[in-house]
């Protein structure tokens, strides 16, 4: 009985941490957008993310075309290490998500 309780508590804590991590990536992406892209793109984060739906952002990212799309929208490319975070931001606040960033 105690093993089952222990396993359940461990699973609950693990899932809690994973959900916080997913939110943190979009938040980090928002900060990166504000620091690295907003001054160059000359548009708000919501305007940038609203360029595509979640499905479209996912297709672009999965095809390895995300940096090309940033260049098309903003005129520059960014470091590869920042792409997953900015993708999470764009996906989270896409035009069909119902979410609006405050940047």
N, C-alpha and C. Protein backbone atom coordinates (compact mmCIF):
# COMPACT_ATOMS: atom_id res chain seq x y z
N UNK A 1 0.82 -1.20 0.00
CA UNK A 1 0.00 0.00 0.00
C UNK A 1 0.87 1.26 0.00
N UNK A 2 1.91 1.25 0.83
CA UNK A 2 2.77 2.44 0.87
C UNK A 2 3.56 2.60 -0.42
N UNK A 3 3.89 1.48 -1.07
CA UNK A 3 4.60 1.57 -2.35
C UNK A 3 3.72 2.23 -3.41
N UNK A 4 2.46 1.86 -3.43
CA UNK A 4 1.53 2.45 -4.38
C UNK A 4 1.37 3.94 -4.13
N UNK A 5 1.24 4.31 -2.88
CA UNK A 5 1.12 5.72 -2.51
C UNK A 5 2.39 6.48 -2.91
N UNK A 6 3.53 5.90 -2.63
CA UNK A 6 4.81 6.53 -2.97
C UNK A 6 4.94 6.69 -4.49
N UNK A 7 4.58 5.66 -5.24
CA UNK A 7 4.67 5.73 -6.70
C UNK A 7 3.71 6.78 -7.26
N UNK A 8 2.51 6.86 -6.69
CA UNK A 8 1.53 7.84 -7.13
C UNK A 8 2.02 9.26 -6.85
N UNK A 9 2.56 9.48 -5.68
CA UNK A 9 3.08 10.82 -5.32
C UNK A 9 4.25 11.20 -6.22
N UNK A 10 5.12 10.25 -6.50
CA UNK A 10 6.27 10.52 -7.36
C UNK A 10 5.80 10.88 -8.77
N UNK A 11 4.85 10.14 -9.29
CA UNK A 11 4.32 10.42 -10.61
C UNK A 11 3.65 11.80 -10.65
N UNK A 12 2.90 12.13 -9.62
CA UNK A 12 2.25 13.43 -9.54
C UNK A 12 3.27 14.56 -9.55
N UNK A 13 4.31 14.44 -8.75
CA UNK A 13 5.35 15.47 -8.71
C UNK A 13 6.08 15.59 -10.04
N UNK A 14 6.37 14.47 -10.67
CA UNK A 14 7.04 14.48 -11.96
C UNK A 14 6.20 15.19 -13.01
N UNK A 15 4.92 14.88 -13.06
CA UNK A 15 4.03 15.53 -14.02
C UNK A 15 3.88 17.02 -13.73
N UNK A 16 3.89 17.39 -12.47
CA UNK A 16 3.83 18.81 -12.10
C UNK A 16 5.05 19.56 -12.62
N UNK A 17 6.22 18.97 -12.46
CA UNK A 17 7.44 19.62 -12.93
C UNK A 17 7.47 19.72 -14.45
N UNK A 18 6.99 18.70 -15.13
CA UNK A 18 6.98 18.72 -16.59
C UNK A 18 6.05 19.80 -17.13
N UNK A 19 4.91 20.00 -16.50
CA UNK A 19 3.99 21.02 -16.98
C UNK A 19 4.56 22.41 -16.75
N UNK A 20 5.28 22.62 -15.67
CA UNK A 20 5.92 23.91 -15.41
C UNK A 20 7.02 24.16 -16.43
N UNK A 21 7.76 23.14 -16.80
CA UNK A 21 8.82 23.28 -17.79
C UNK A 21 8.25 23.71 -19.13
N UNK A 22 7.13 23.16 -19.54
CA UNK A 22 6.53 23.52 -20.82
C UNK A 22 6.14 24.99 -20.85
N UNK A 23 5.61 25.50 -19.75
CA UNK A 23 5.25 26.91 -19.67
C UNK A 23 6.50 27.78 -19.66
N UNK A 24 7.54 27.32 -19.00
CA UNK A 24 8.77 28.10 -18.90
C UNK A 24 9.39 28.32 -20.27
N UNK A 25 9.29 27.36 -21.18
CA UNK A 25 9.87 27.52 -22.51
C UNK A 25 9.20 28.64 -23.29
N UNK A 26 7.87 28.71 -23.23
CA UNK A 26 7.17 29.79 -23.92
C UNK A 26 7.51 31.13 -23.30
N UNK A 27 7.66 31.15 -21.98
CA UNK A 27 8.04 32.40 -21.31
C UNK A 27 9.46 32.81 -21.68
N UNK A 28 10.35 31.84 -21.76
CA UNK A 28 11.72 32.14 -22.18
C UNK A 28 11.72 32.63 -23.62
N UNK A 29 10.90 32.01 -24.45
CA UNK A 29 10.77 32.44 -25.84
C UNK A 29 10.25 33.86 -25.95
N UNK A 30 9.33 34.22 -25.07
CA UNK A 30 8.81 35.59 -25.05
C UNK A 30 9.92 36.57 -24.71
N UNK A 31 10.71 36.24 -23.70
CA UNK A 31 11.83 37.11 -23.32
C UNK A 31 12.84 37.22 -24.46
N UNK A 32 13.14 36.11 -25.10
CA UNK A 32 14.08 36.13 -26.22
C UNK A 32 13.52 36.95 -27.38
N UNK A 33 12.22 36.83 -27.65
CA UNK A 33 11.62 37.62 -28.72
C UNK A 33 11.78 39.11 -28.42
N UNK A 34 11.47 39.49 -27.18
CA UNK A 34 11.57 40.91 -26.80
C UNK A 34 13.01 41.40 -26.93
N UNK A 35 13.98 40.60 -26.51
CA UNK A 35 15.38 41.01 -26.54
C UNK A 35 15.98 40.99 -27.94
N UNK A 36 15.71 39.95 -28.70
CA UNK A 36 16.45 39.72 -29.94
C UNK A 36 15.68 40.08 -31.21
N UNK A 37 14.37 39.94 -31.21
CA UNK A 37 13.63 40.13 -32.46
C UNK A 37 12.74 41.37 -32.49
N UNK A 38 12.13 41.72 -31.38
CA UNK A 38 11.18 42.83 -31.39
C UNK A 38 11.78 44.13 -31.91
N UNK A 39 12.99 44.51 -31.49
CA UNK A 39 13.55 45.77 -32.01
C UNK A 39 13.79 45.73 -33.52
N UNK A 40 14.07 44.56 -34.06
CA UNK A 40 14.37 44.43 -35.49
C UNK A 40 13.09 44.23 -36.30
N UNK A 41 12.18 43.41 -35.77
CA UNK A 41 10.93 43.12 -36.48
C UNK A 41 9.97 44.31 -36.48
N UNK A 42 10.11 45.16 -35.49
CA UNK A 42 9.23 46.33 -35.35
C UNK A 42 7.76 45.93 -35.27
N UNK A 43 7.50 44.83 -34.54
CA UNK A 43 6.12 44.41 -34.30
C UNK A 43 6.04 43.76 -32.93
N UNK A 44 4.85 43.79 -32.37
CA UNK A 44 4.66 43.18 -31.05
C UNK A 44 4.77 41.67 -31.16
N UNK A 45 4.94 41.03 -30.02
CA UNK A 45 5.01 39.58 -29.99
C UNK A 45 3.72 38.94 -30.47
N UNK A 46 2.59 39.56 -30.16
CA UNK A 46 1.32 38.99 -30.60
C UNK A 46 1.18 39.08 -32.12
N UNK A 47 1.67 40.17 -32.72
CA UNK A 47 1.63 40.29 -34.18
C UNK A 47 2.52 39.24 -34.84
N UNK A 48 3.71 39.02 -34.25
CA UNK A 48 4.63 38.02 -34.79
C UNK A 48 4.01 36.63 -34.71
N UNK A 49 3.53 36.26 -33.54
CA UNK A 49 2.97 34.91 -33.34
C UNK A 49 1.71 34.70 -34.18
N UNK A 50 0.95 35.78 -34.40
CA UNK A 50 -0.31 35.67 -35.14
C UNK A 50 -0.11 35.54 -36.65
N UNK A 51 1.12 35.53 -37.11
CA UNK A 51 1.39 35.34 -38.54
C UNK A 51 0.94 33.96 -39.02
N UNK A 52 0.85 33.01 -38.08
CA UNK A 52 0.47 31.64 -38.45
C UNK A 52 -0.39 31.02 -37.36
N UNK A 53 -1.09 29.95 -37.72
CA UNK A 53 -1.83 29.15 -36.75
C UNK A 53 -0.86 28.19 -36.06
N UNK A 54 -1.32 27.51 -35.03
CA UNK A 54 -0.47 26.54 -34.34
C UNK A 54 -0.03 25.43 -35.29
N UNK A 55 -0.94 24.95 -36.11
CA UNK A 55 -0.58 23.89 -37.07
C UNK A 55 0.48 24.38 -38.06
N UNK A 56 0.33 25.61 -38.52
CA UNK A 56 1.31 26.16 -39.46
C UNK A 56 2.68 26.32 -38.82
N UNK A 57 2.71 26.86 -37.58
CA UNK A 57 3.99 27.00 -36.88
C UNK A 57 4.63 25.63 -36.70
N UNK A 58 3.82 24.64 -36.33
CA UNK A 58 4.35 23.29 -36.12
C UNK A 58 4.93 22.71 -37.42
N UNK A 59 4.22 22.89 -38.52
CA UNK A 59 4.72 22.42 -39.82
C UNK A 59 6.05 23.09 -40.18
N UNK A 60 6.11 24.39 -40.00
CA UNK A 60 7.33 25.15 -40.32
C UNK A 60 8.49 24.67 -39.47
N UNK A 61 8.24 24.51 -38.17
CA UNK A 61 9.31 24.09 -37.26
C UNK A 61 9.77 22.67 -37.56
N UNK A 62 8.81 21.76 -37.73
CA UNK A 62 9.15 20.35 -37.99
C UNK A 62 9.90 20.17 -39.32
N UNK A 63 9.64 21.05 -40.28
CA UNK A 63 10.32 20.98 -41.57
C UNK A 63 11.71 21.62 -41.53
N UNK A 64 12.07 22.20 -40.38
CA UNK A 64 13.38 22.84 -40.25
C UNK A 64 13.43 24.21 -40.92
N UNK A 65 12.27 24.80 -41.14
CA UNK A 65 12.18 26.08 -41.85
C UNK A 65 11.90 27.26 -40.91
N UNK A 66 11.99 27.05 -39.61
CA UNK A 66 11.61 28.10 -38.66
C UNK A 66 12.50 29.33 -38.78
N UNK A 67 13.80 29.13 -38.88
CA UNK A 67 14.71 30.27 -38.99
C UNK A 67 14.49 31.01 -40.31
N UNK A 68 14.16 30.27 -41.38
CA UNK A 68 13.84 30.92 -42.66
C UNK A 68 12.58 31.77 -42.53
N UNK A 69 11.61 31.28 -41.78
CA UNK A 69 10.37 32.03 -41.59
C UNK A 69 10.63 33.29 -40.78
N UNK A 70 11.49 33.19 -39.76
CA UNK A 70 11.86 34.38 -38.99
C UNK A 70 12.53 35.39 -39.92
N UNK A 71 13.41 34.91 -40.79
CA UNK A 71 14.09 35.81 -41.74
C UNK A 71 13.07 36.46 -42.67
N UNK A 72 12.08 35.68 -43.12
CA UNK A 72 11.04 36.21 -44.01
C UNK A 72 10.22 37.31 -43.31
N UNK A 73 9.93 37.11 -42.03
CA UNK A 73 9.11 38.06 -41.29
C UNK A 73 9.92 39.26 -40.81
N UNK A 74 11.13 38.99 -40.29
CA UNK A 74 11.91 40.04 -39.63
C UNK A 74 13.16 40.48 -40.39
N UNK A 75 13.61 39.67 -41.32
CA UNK A 75 14.79 40.05 -42.08
C UNK A 75 16.11 39.57 -41.51
N UNK A 76 16.07 38.82 -40.40
CA UNK A 76 17.29 38.27 -39.81
C UNK A 76 17.06 36.82 -39.40
N UNK A 77 18.15 36.12 -39.17
CA UNK A 77 18.07 34.79 -38.58
C UNK A 77 18.65 34.89 -37.18
N UNK A 78 18.32 33.92 -36.34
CA UNK A 78 18.85 33.92 -34.98
C UNK A 78 19.58 32.61 -34.71
N UNK A 79 20.29 32.58 -33.60
CA UNK A 79 21.07 31.40 -33.24
C UNK A 79 20.15 30.19 -33.05
N UNK A 80 20.64 29.05 -33.49
CA UNK A 80 19.87 27.80 -33.41
C UNK A 80 19.43 27.48 -31.98
N UNK A 81 20.26 27.80 -31.00
CA UNK A 81 19.91 27.43 -29.62
C UNK A 81 18.67 28.16 -29.11
N UNK A 82 18.31 29.28 -29.73
CA UNK A 82 17.13 30.03 -29.30
C UNK A 82 15.85 29.58 -30.01
N UNK A 83 15.99 28.85 -31.09
CA UNK A 83 14.82 28.49 -31.91
C UNK A 83 13.75 27.70 -31.16
N UNK A 84 14.09 26.68 -30.36
CA UNK A 84 13.02 25.95 -29.67
C UNK A 84 12.18 26.83 -28.75
N UNK A 85 12.83 27.79 -28.09
CA UNK A 85 12.11 28.66 -27.16
C UNK A 85 11.21 29.65 -27.91
N UNK A 86 11.73 30.22 -28.98
CA UNK A 86 10.92 31.16 -29.76
C UNK A 86 9.80 30.41 -30.47
N UNK A 87 10.07 29.18 -30.88
CA UNK A 87 8.99 28.37 -31.46
C UNK A 87 7.88 28.13 -30.43
N UNK A 88 8.26 27.76 -29.21
CA UNK A 88 7.25 27.54 -28.16
C UNK A 88 6.42 28.80 -27.94
N UNK A 89 7.08 29.96 -27.98
CA UNK A 89 6.39 31.23 -27.84
C UNK A 89 5.41 31.44 -29.00
N UNK A 90 5.89 31.26 -30.23
CA UNK A 90 5.03 31.47 -31.41
C UNK A 90 3.86 30.49 -31.40
N UNK A 91 4.11 29.24 -31.03
CA UNK A 91 3.06 28.23 -30.99
C UNK A 91 2.02 28.57 -29.91
N UNK A 92 2.51 28.94 -28.75
CA UNK A 92 1.62 29.26 -27.62
C UNK A 92 0.69 30.43 -27.93
N UNK A 93 1.17 31.40 -28.70
CA UNK A 93 0.41 32.62 -28.96
C UNK A 93 0.00 32.75 -30.43
N UNK A 94 -0.10 31.63 -31.14
CA UNK A 94 -0.50 31.65 -32.56
C UNK A 94 -1.90 32.23 -32.71
N UNK A 95 -2.25 32.57 -33.95
CA UNK A 95 -3.52 33.26 -34.19
C UNK A 95 -4.76 32.44 -33.84
N UNK A 96 -4.64 31.14 -33.70
CA UNK A 96 -5.79 30.31 -33.33
C UNK A 96 -5.73 29.79 -31.90
N UNK A 97 -4.78 30.30 -31.10
CA UNK A 97 -4.60 29.77 -29.75
C UNK A 97 -5.54 30.41 -28.73
N UNK A 98 -5.98 31.63 -28.98
CA UNK A 98 -6.79 32.33 -28.00
C UNK A 98 -5.97 33.00 -26.92
N UNK A 99 -4.66 32.87 -26.97
CA UNK A 99 -3.76 33.49 -25.99
C UNK A 99 -3.15 34.75 -26.60
N UNK A 100 -2.94 35.75 -25.74
CA UNK A 100 -2.34 37.00 -26.20
C UNK A 100 -1.17 37.33 -25.27
N UNK A 101 0.05 37.45 -25.81
CA UNK A 101 1.19 37.79 -24.96
C UNK A 101 1.16 39.27 -24.58
N UNK A 102 1.87 39.60 -23.54
CA UNK A 102 1.91 40.99 -23.08
C UNK A 102 3.19 41.69 -23.51
N UNK A 103 3.64 41.42 -24.72
CA UNK A 103 4.86 42.09 -25.18
C UNK A 103 4.67 42.69 -26.55
